Amino acid sequence: MLQLIKAADLNSQQLAAPASFKWIYMDLMDRDGNGLVAVYSSGLPFLAGSRSQYAHSLRPSLHLAAYPANGGQHYLLQEFPPNETEFDWPSGRARLGRSQFQTRTESGHVELEAELDIDLPGQDYWRGHLRLRGPEFKCEEPLPLASPKSEAPRHLWRPLSIHASGEVELRSRKGRFSLRGSAYLDSNFSAIPLHEQGISRWDWGRVAFSKHTLVYYWLRTSDHAKEKVYLLWVDEQGHAQRLEARVRASSLSLSSYGVATRRELEFATEAGSFVVRLERRVEHSPFYERYCLTATVPSGEHGTGLGEVVLPERVDRPWMRPFVRMRTHRIGGPNSMWLPLFSGASGRPLGRFLSSLGRGAPHA
């Protein structure tokens, strides 16, 4: 089962050790419901072939998705050859193609800076930057590691900055996307493939309020005999209060992929009820969903944020690999002819697809 840890609980040797997957996740959202997610990783378990490829931890990737509140999305899931990337996890530096990422912690504050220079299918591009700054995650409650420090890490969830702020500026061939708002940054590490961890499902989300951020992680085991709930209430200085909570779920919806999701989650605590609503589904698949969230806390204040649903045991089933490849831009190819329908920074999906056919190079 997943274990919450603080940044100091992983030493440089563990950070640099081979693992099944390592990823850094960042998101941004404003009060109007405009959002963005960025993930850079090695061994992302959501890539096609992650179950069968022995050395899949060597597969570097970048995910970038923007969600305007008025609908639509700009989407990228890009896989790179290892020789075109560099990861230095202990220092927080990474390079994927021509894009550079740097995370650093100094004087109790965390910063993420990214310079983005990305070629997209269909002769499009993203050029711009991504910035995040916020207090380092702090938790007074002891958070023991799931395994001794001498061992390779199991599935560790390491929040870096929860109540942060950020901005993104992106230029594409046909326009710009800019956003400023609340931000969140964390990382996940594991020596065990995601589908072998005995987790049947997790629901995760973060919602920002004026002086706090709420984070929830609700996990269930494969045998349905156990669940685990993390509920964190984090203030402006990064101090986290972990609340004991019971989950009451309602408003069940069923996706076209057969994923049953509770669209309203109530976390009952001694401090009162925290109610999270999964308002707008912006990503869906047989094993993953992403939502724009709203929430209400006991004081009555309302907030906005982003969340996800993950079903680890459904990841990378053989029948779904062709569909995952339709959404994955592999630098150097080969790529699916349908890729422009899903991947792009501007234009309508059908228009991108037809343009790629006209050029005779949909895989570029």
Protein backbone atom coordinates (compact mmCIF):
# COMPACT_ATOMS: atom_id res chain seq x y z
CA MET A 1 0.00 0.00 0.00
CA LEU A 2 1.12 3.55 -0.67
CA GLN A 3 3.04 5.37 2.07
CA LEU A 4 3.08 9.12 2.72
CA ILE A 5 6.56 10.51 3.43
CA LYS A 6 8.32 13.86 3.77
CA ALA A 7 11.07 14.99 1.41
CA ALA A 8 13.77 14.43 4.05
CA ASP A 9 12.77 10.77 4.42
CA LEU A 10 14.45 9.85 1.13
CA ASN A 11 18.21 10.18 0.91
CA SER A 12 20.21 10.85 -2.26
CA GLN A 13 21.13 7.19 -2.65
CA GLN A 14 17.49 6.14 -2.68
CA LEU A 15 16.51 8.92 -5.06
CA ALA A 16 19.19 7.84 -7.52
CA ALA A 17 18.48 4.08 -7.23
CA PRO A 18 16.75 2.24 -10.10
CA ALA A 19 13.00 1.97 -9.64
CA SER A 20 9.98 0.68 -11.48
CA PHE A 21 8.78 4.27 -11.81
CA LYS A 22 9.54 7.76 -10.61
CA TRP A 23 7.47 10.79 -11.48
CA ILE A 24 7.08 14.44 -10.52
CA TYR A 25 3.55 15.82 -10.77
CA MET A 26 2.54 19.48 -10.84
CA ASP A 27 -0.81 21.14 -11.40
CA LEU A 28 -2.24 24.64 -11.60
CA MET A 29 -5.82 25.91 -11.33
CA ASP A 30 -7.46 29.31 -11.04
CA ARG A 31 -10.77 30.19 -9.39
CA ASP A 32 -12.55 30.22 -12.76
CA GLY A 33 -11.81 26.52 -13.31
CA ASN A 34 -8.98 26.79 -15.86
CA GLY A 35 -6.41 24.09 -15.17
CA LEU A 36 -3.10 22.56 -16.24
CA VAL A 37 -1.24 19.36 -15.35
CA ALA A 38 2.44 18.59 -16.00
CA VAL A 39 4.19 15.28 -15.26
CA TYR A 40 7.75 14.28 -16.09
CA SER A 41 8.84 10.77 -15.33
CA SER A 42 10.85 7.65 -15.94
CA GLY A 43 8.90 4.42 -16.17
CA LEU A 44 5.43 5.96 -16.25
CA PRO A 45 3.12 2.95 -15.73
CA PHE A 46 0.40 4.40 -17.97
CA LEU A 47 2.50 3.92 -21.14
CA ALA A 48 1.66 1.03 -23.45
CA GLY A 49 3.83 -2.01 -22.71
CA SER A 50 4.64 -1.07 -19.11
CA ARG A 51 3.66 -4.56 -17.89
CA SER A 52 5.75 -6.53 -20.33
CA GLN A 53 8.90 -4.51 -20.89
CA TYR A 54 11.56 -5.53 -18.39
CA ALA A 55 13.44 -2.23 -18.50
CA HIS A 56 10.41 0.04 -18.70
CA SER A 57 11.87 2.19 -15.91
CA LEU A 58 14.27 3.50 -18.55
CA ARG A 59 11.38 4.98 -20.55
CA PRO A 60 11.31 8.76 -20.02
CA SER A 61 8.16 10.73 -20.76
CA LEU A 62 6.53 14.13 -20.47
CA HIS A 63 2.82 14.79 -20.02
CA LEU A 64 1.32 18.25 -20.40
CA ALA A 65 -2.41 18.99 -20.55
CA ALA A 66 -4.31 22.27 -20.34
CA TYR A 67 -8.03 22.48 -19.58
CA PRO A 68 -9.75 25.81 -20.38
CA ALA A 69 -12.90 26.35 -18.32
CA ASN A 70 -14.92 27.02 -21.46
CA GLY A 71 -14.28 23.48 -22.70
CA GLY A 72 -11.78 21.65 -24.86
CA GLN A 73 -8.25 20.70 -23.97
CA HIS A 74 -4.66 20.86 -25.19
CA TYR A 75 -2.95 17.51 -24.68
CA LEU A 76 0.47 15.89 -24.90
CA LEU A 77 1.87 12.55 -23.76
CA GLN A 78 5.36 12.30 -25.21
CA GLU A 79 7.86 9.45 -24.86
CA PHE A 80 11.55 10.10 -25.49
CA PRO A 81 14.52 7.89 -26.37
CA PRO A 82 16.71 7.60 -23.24
CA ASN A 83 19.66 9.25 -25.02
CA GLU A 84 17.63 12.46 -25.45
CA THR A 85 16.93 12.87 -21.74
CA GLU A 86 18.75 13.37 -18.45
CA PHE A 87 17.38 12.81 -14.95
CA ASP A 88 19.25 13.78 -11.80
CA TRP A 89 16.58 13.02 -9.22
CA PRO A 90 18.67 13.93 -6.11
CA SER A 91 19.35 17.46 -7.44
CA GLY A 92 15.88 17.93 -8.95
CA ARG A 93 17.19 18.56 -12.46
CA ALA A 94 15.80 16.96 -15.61
CA ARG A 95 16.02 17.43 -19.37
CA LEU A 96 13.58 15.93 -21.86
CA GLY A 97 14.53 16.80 -25.39
CA ARG A 98 15.04 20.57 -25.37
CA SER A 99 12.88 21.16 -22.27
CA GLN A 100 14.57 21.79 -18.93
CA PHE A 101 13.15 21.24 -15.43
CA GLN A 102 14.57 22.25 -12.07
CA THR A 103 13.13 21.72 -8.59
CA ARG A 104 14.90 23.14 -5.56
CA THR A 105 14.24 23.62 -1.85
CA GLU A 106 15.80 26.53 0.02
CA SER A 107 14.95 28.18 3.34
CA GLY A 108 11.73 26.21 3.68
CA HIS A 109 10.42 27.06 0.21
CA VAL A 110 10.14 24.92 -2.91
CA GLU A 111 10.51 26.14 -6.47
CA LEU A 112 9.88 24.46 -9.80
CA GLU A 113 11.10 26.16 -12.96
CA ALA A 114 10.61 24.69 -16.42
CA GLU A 115 11.62 26.06 -19.81
CA LEU A 116 9.49 24.28 -22.39
CA ASP A 117 10.50 23.75 -26.01
CA ILE A 118 8.32 20.96 -27.38
CA ASP A 119 7.65 19.78 -30.92
CA LEU A 120 4.15 18.38 -31.34
CA PRO A 121 2.55 16.23 -34.04
CA GLY A 122 1.38 18.11 -37.11
CA GLN A 123 4.22 20.65 -37.17
CA ASP A 124 2.84 22.39 -34.09
CA TYR A 125 4.81 23.28 -30.97
CA TRP A 126 4.70 24.52 -27.40
CA ARG A 127 7.23 27.16 -26.32
CA GLY A 128 7.13 28.82 -22.95
CA HIS A 129 7.73 28.43 -19.25
CA LEU A 130 6.22 26.98 -16.11
CA ARG A 131 6.81 28.34 -12.59
CA LEU A 132 5.79 27.22 -9.11
CA ARG A 133 6.72 28.53 -5.67
CA GLY A 134 5.37 27.51 -2.30
CA PRO A 135 6.21 26.43 1.26
CA GLU A 136 7.83 23.07 1.76
CA PHE A 137 5.46 20.32 2.93
CA LYS A 138 5.75 19.88 6.71
CA CYS A 139 4.06 17.32 8.94
CA GLU A 140 4.70 16.99 12.66
CA GLU A 141 3.13 13.53 12.77
CA PRO A 142 5.73 10.72 12.43
CA LEU A 143 5.56 9.19 8.97
CA PRO A 144 7.57 5.95 9.10
CA LEU A 145 8.92 4.57 5.87
CA ALA A 146 7.31 1.39 4.55
CA SER A 147 10.79 -0.17 4.33
CA PRO A 148 14.19 0.56 5.88
CA LYS A 149 16.28 3.30 4.30
CA SER A 150 18.76 0.71 3.11
CA GLU A 151 16.14 -0.92 0.87
CA ALA A 152 14.74 0.16 -2.47
CA PRO A 153 11.59 2.23 -1.94
CA ARG A 154 8.15 0.70 -2.25
CA HIS A 155 5.36 3.04 -3.40
CA LEU A 156 6.16 6.30 -1.67
CA TRP A 157 4.10 9.48 -2.02
CA ARG A 158 6.25 12.53 -1.32
CA PRO A 159 4.43 15.90 -1.34
CA LEU A 160 6.86 18.72 -2.05
CA SER A 161 4.65 21.83 -1.85
CA ILE A 162 0.89 21.67 -1.40
CA HIS A 163 -0.28 25.26 -0.81
CA ALA A 164 1.70 26.86 -3.65
CA SER A 165 1.13 29.34 -6.45
CA GLY A 166 2.25 29.15 -10.05
CA GLU A 167 2.00 30.37 -13.59
CA VAL A 168 2.36 29.02 -17.10
CA GLU A 169 2.83 30.78 -20.44
CA LEU A 170 2.66 28.66 -23.60
CA ARG A 171 2.80 29.68 -27.25
CA SER A 172 1.67 27.44 -30.07
CA ARG A 173 1.35 27.86 -33.82
CA LYS A 174 -2.13 29.35 -33.53
CA GLY A 175 -2.27 30.99 -30.15
CA ARG A 176 -1.31 31.24 -26.50
CA PHE A 177 -2.36 29.63 -23.25
CA SER A 178 -1.60 31.47 -20.00
CA LEU A 179 -2.70 30.72 -16.47
CA ARG A 180 -1.98 31.88 -12.93
CA GLY A 181 -3.43 30.27 -9.87
CA SER A 182 -3.02 27.88 -6.98
CA ALA A 183 -0.46 25.14 -7.54
CA TYR A 184 0.56 21.75 -6.17
CA LEU A 185 3.75 19.67 -6.49
CA ASP A 186 4.54 16.09 -5.45
CA SER A 187 6.51 13.01 -6.48
CA ASN A 188 5.97 9.25 -6.44
CA PHE A 189 8.59 6.50 -6.32
CA SER A 190 8.32 2.72 -6.34
CA ALA A 191 10.48 -0.35 -6.82
CA ILE A 192 7.32 -2.39 -7.52
CA PRO A 193 5.32 -2.13 -10.77
CA LEU A 194 2.05 -0.32 -10.20
CA HIS A 195 -0.16 -3.26 -11.22
CA GLU A 196 1.59 -5.55 -8.69
CA GLN A 197 1.03 -3.38 -5.61
CA GLY A 198 -2.29 -4.88 -4.52
CA ILE A 199 -4.16 -1.59 -5.00
CA SER A 200 -7.43 -1.89 -6.86
CA ARG A 201 -8.20 1.82 -6.96
CA TRP A 202 -7.35 5.22 -5.64
CA ASP A 203 -9.19 8.54 -5.69
CA TRP A 204 -6.92 11.55 -5.20
CA GLY A 205 -7.44 15.28 -5.32
CA ARG A 206 -6.32 18.66 -4.08
CA VAL A 207 -8.53 21.73 -3.64
CA ALA A 208 -7.20 25.22 -2.84
CA PHE A 209 -8.84 27.69 -0.47
CA SER A 210 -7.78 31.19 0.57
CA LYS A 211 -5.44 30.11 3.38
CA HIS A 212 -5.40 26.30 3.15
CA THR A 213 -5.31 23.43 0.68
CA LEU A 214 -7.19 20.17 1.14
CA VAL A 215 -5.62 16.96 -0.17
CA TYR A 216 -7.26 13.54 -0.08
CA TYR A 217 -5.99 10.08 -1.06
CA TRP A 218 -8.52 7.23 -0.78
CA LEU A 219 -7.09 3.79 -1.60
CA ARG A 220 -8.68 0.32 -1.71
CA THR A 221 -6.90 -3.04 -1.79
CA SER A 222 -7.33 -5.69 -4.48
CA ASP A 223 -9.13 -8.08 -2.13
CA HIS A 224 -11.53 -5.27 -1.07
CA ALA A 225 -10.68 -6.08 2.55
CA LYS A 226 -8.86 -2.85 3.36
CA GLU A 227 -8.90 0.83 2.56
CA LYS A 228 -6.65 3.70 3.51
CA VAL A 229 -7.58 7.38 3.72
CA TYR A 230 -5.15 10.28 3.85
CA LEU A 231 -6.82 13.64 4.47
CA LEU A 232 -4.44 16.60 4.78
CA TRP A 233 -5.36 20.18 5.69
CA VAL A 234 -2.34 22.32 4.83
CA ASP A 235 -1.86 25.96 5.79
CA GLU A 236 -0.01 28.86 4.14
CA GLN A 237 3.28 27.90 5.79
CA GLY A 238 3.07 24.32 4.49
CA HIS A 239 2.19 22.76 7.85
CA ALA A 240 -0.08 19.74 7.33
CA GLN A 241 -2.71 18.55 9.77
CA ARG A 242 -3.64 14.94 9.11
CA LEU A 243 -7.32 14.37 9.83
CA GLU A 244 -8.93 11.04 10.67
CA ALA A 245 -11.82 10.67 8.24
CA ARG A 246 -14.62 8.37 7.19
CA VAL A 247 -15.64 8.48 3.53
CA ARG A 248 -19.27 8.76 2.52
CA ALA A 249 -19.67 8.54 -1.24
CA SER A 250 -22.69 9.22 -3.42
CA SER A 251 -23.74 10.24 -6.94
CA LEU A 252 -22.36 7.22 -8.79
CA SER A 253 -21.67 7.59 -12.52
CA LEU A 254 -20.51 4.97 -15.01
CA SER A 255 -18.17 5.92 -17.85
CA SER A 256 -18.25 4.46 -21.34
CA TYR A 257 -15.18 2.42 -20.31
CA GLY A 258 -17.01 0.82 -17.40
CA VAL A 259 -15.36 2.88 -14.63
CA ALA A 260 -17.80 3.54 -11.79
CA THR A 261 -16.95 6.79 -10.03
CA ARG A 262 -18.50 8.52 -7.04
CA ARG A 263 -18.96 12.13 -8.09
CA GLU A 264 -19.40 13.43 -4.54
CA LEU A 265 -17.13 12.46 -1.62
CA GLU A 266 -17.83 13.52 1.94
CA PHE A 267 -14.96 13.18 4.41
CA ALA A 268 -16.47 13.14 7.89
CA THR A 269 -14.00 14.31 10.59
CA GLU A 270 -14.12 15.62 14.16
CA ALA A 271 -13.63 19.10 12.68
CA GLY A 272 -16.70 18.69 10.45
CA SER A 273 -17.41 17.51 6.94
CA PHE A 274 -15.27 18.22 3.89
CA VAL A 275 -17.33 17.70 0.72
CA VAL A 276 -15.57 17.24 -2.64
CA ARG A 277 -17.47 17.24 -5.95
CA LEU A 278 -16.01 15.84 -9.17
CA GLU A 279 -17.57 18.41 -11.49
CA ARG A 280 -16.02 18.07 -14.95
CA ARG A 281 -14.32 14.98 -16.32
CA VAL A 282 -11.45 16.09 -18.56
CA GLU A 283 -9.69 12.72 -19.10
CA HIS A 284 -11.09 9.20 -19.18
CA SER A 285 -9.89 5.73 -20.05
CA PRO A 286 -10.36 2.16 -18.73
CA PHE A 287 -7.75 2.79 -16.00
CA TYR A 288 -7.52 6.56 -15.46
CA GLU A 289 -9.83 9.55 -15.05
CA ARG A 290 -9.08 13.20 -14.31
CA TYR A 291 -11.57 15.74 -12.97
CA CYS A 292 -11.91 19.42 -12.21
CA LEU A 293 -13.07 19.65 -8.59
CA THR A 294 -14.96 21.93 -6.28
CA ALA A 295 -15.16 21.48 -2.53
CA THR A 296 -16.71 22.93 0.60
CA VAL A 297 -15.06 22.86 4.03
CA PRO A 298 -16.70 23.11 7.49
CA SER A 299 -16.31 26.92 7.54
CA GLY A 300 -18.46 27.11 4.39
CA GLU A 301 -15.65 28.32 2.13
CA HIS A 302 -15.62 27.00 -1.44
CA GLY A 303 -12.52 26.02 -3.41
CA THR A 304 -11.41 24.63 -6.76
CA GLY A 305 -8.84 22.01 -7.72
CA LEU A 306 -7.97 18.92 -9.69
CA GLY A 307 -8.32 15.20 -8.99
CA GLU A 308 -7.90 11.75 -10.46
CA VAL A 309 -9.14 8.19 -10.32
CA VAL A 310 -6.63 5.39 -10.96
CA LEU A 311 -7.31 1.64 -11.30
CA PRO A 312 -3.79 0.12 -11.19
CA GLU A 313 -4.80 -3.46 -11.99
CA ARG A 314 -6.33 -2.34 -15.30
CA VAL A 315 -3.17 -0.58 -16.46
CA ASP A 316 -1.66 -1.83 -19.74
CA ARG A 317 -3.99 -4.70 -20.58
CA PRO A 318 -2.91 -6.06 -23.99
CA TRP A 319 -6.19 -5.16 -25.72
CA MET A 320 -5.88 -1.48 -24.80
CA ARG A 321 -2.28 -0.90 -25.94
CA PRO A 322 -3.20 0.25 -29.48
CA PHE A 323 -5.57 2.84 -27.98
CA VAL A 324 -2.91 4.12 -25.56
CA ARG A 325 -0.46 4.44 -28.45
CA MET A 326 -3.01 6.63 -30.26
CA ARG A 327 -2.45 9.19 -27.47
CA THR A 328 1.33 8.77 -27.11
CA HIS A 329 3.75 10.75 -29.27
CA ARG A 330 6.93 8.69 -29.43
CA ILE A 331 9.88 10.80 -30.52
CA GLY A 332 11.49 8.95 -33.42
CA GLY A 333 8.29 6.90 -33.92
CA PRO A 334 6.60 4.84 -35.03
CA ASN A 335 3.34 6.56 -34.07
CA SER A 336 -0.33 5.92 -34.65
CA MET A 337 -1.95 7.65 -37.61
CA TRP A 338 -4.70 8.70 -35.18
CA LEU A 339 -2.32 10.63 -32.92
CA PRO A 340 -3.36 14.15 -34.13
CA LEU A 341 -6.91 13.47 -32.92
CA PHE A 342 -5.63 13.38 -29.34
CA SER A 343 -2.35 15.27 -29.23
CA GLY A 344 -2.03 18.95 -30.01
CA ALA A 345 -1.78 22.49 -28.67
CA SER A 346 -4.15 24.26 -31.05
CA GLY A 347 -6.91 23.65 -33.55
CA ARG A 348 -9.77 21.18 -33.50
CA PRO A 349 -8.87 17.48 -33.28
CA LEU A 350 -10.56 16.54 -36.57
CA GLY A 351 -8.91 19.44 -38.33
CA ARG A 352 -5.48 18.39 -37.04
CA PHE A 353 -6.11 14.85 -38.21
CA LEU A 354 -7.23 15.85 -41.71
CA SER A 355 -4.29 18.25 -42.04
CA SER A 356 -1.88 15.48 -41.12
CA LEU A 357 -3.37 13.23 -43.80
CA GLY A 358 -3.01 16.04 -46.32
CA ARG A 359 0.66 16.41 -45.50
CA GLY A 360 1.12 12.66 -45.64
CA ALA A 361 3.07 12.81 -42.37
CA PRO A 362 0.70 12.22 -39.44
CA HIS A 363 3.50 10.67 -37.39
CA ALA A 364 5.85 13.61 -37.26
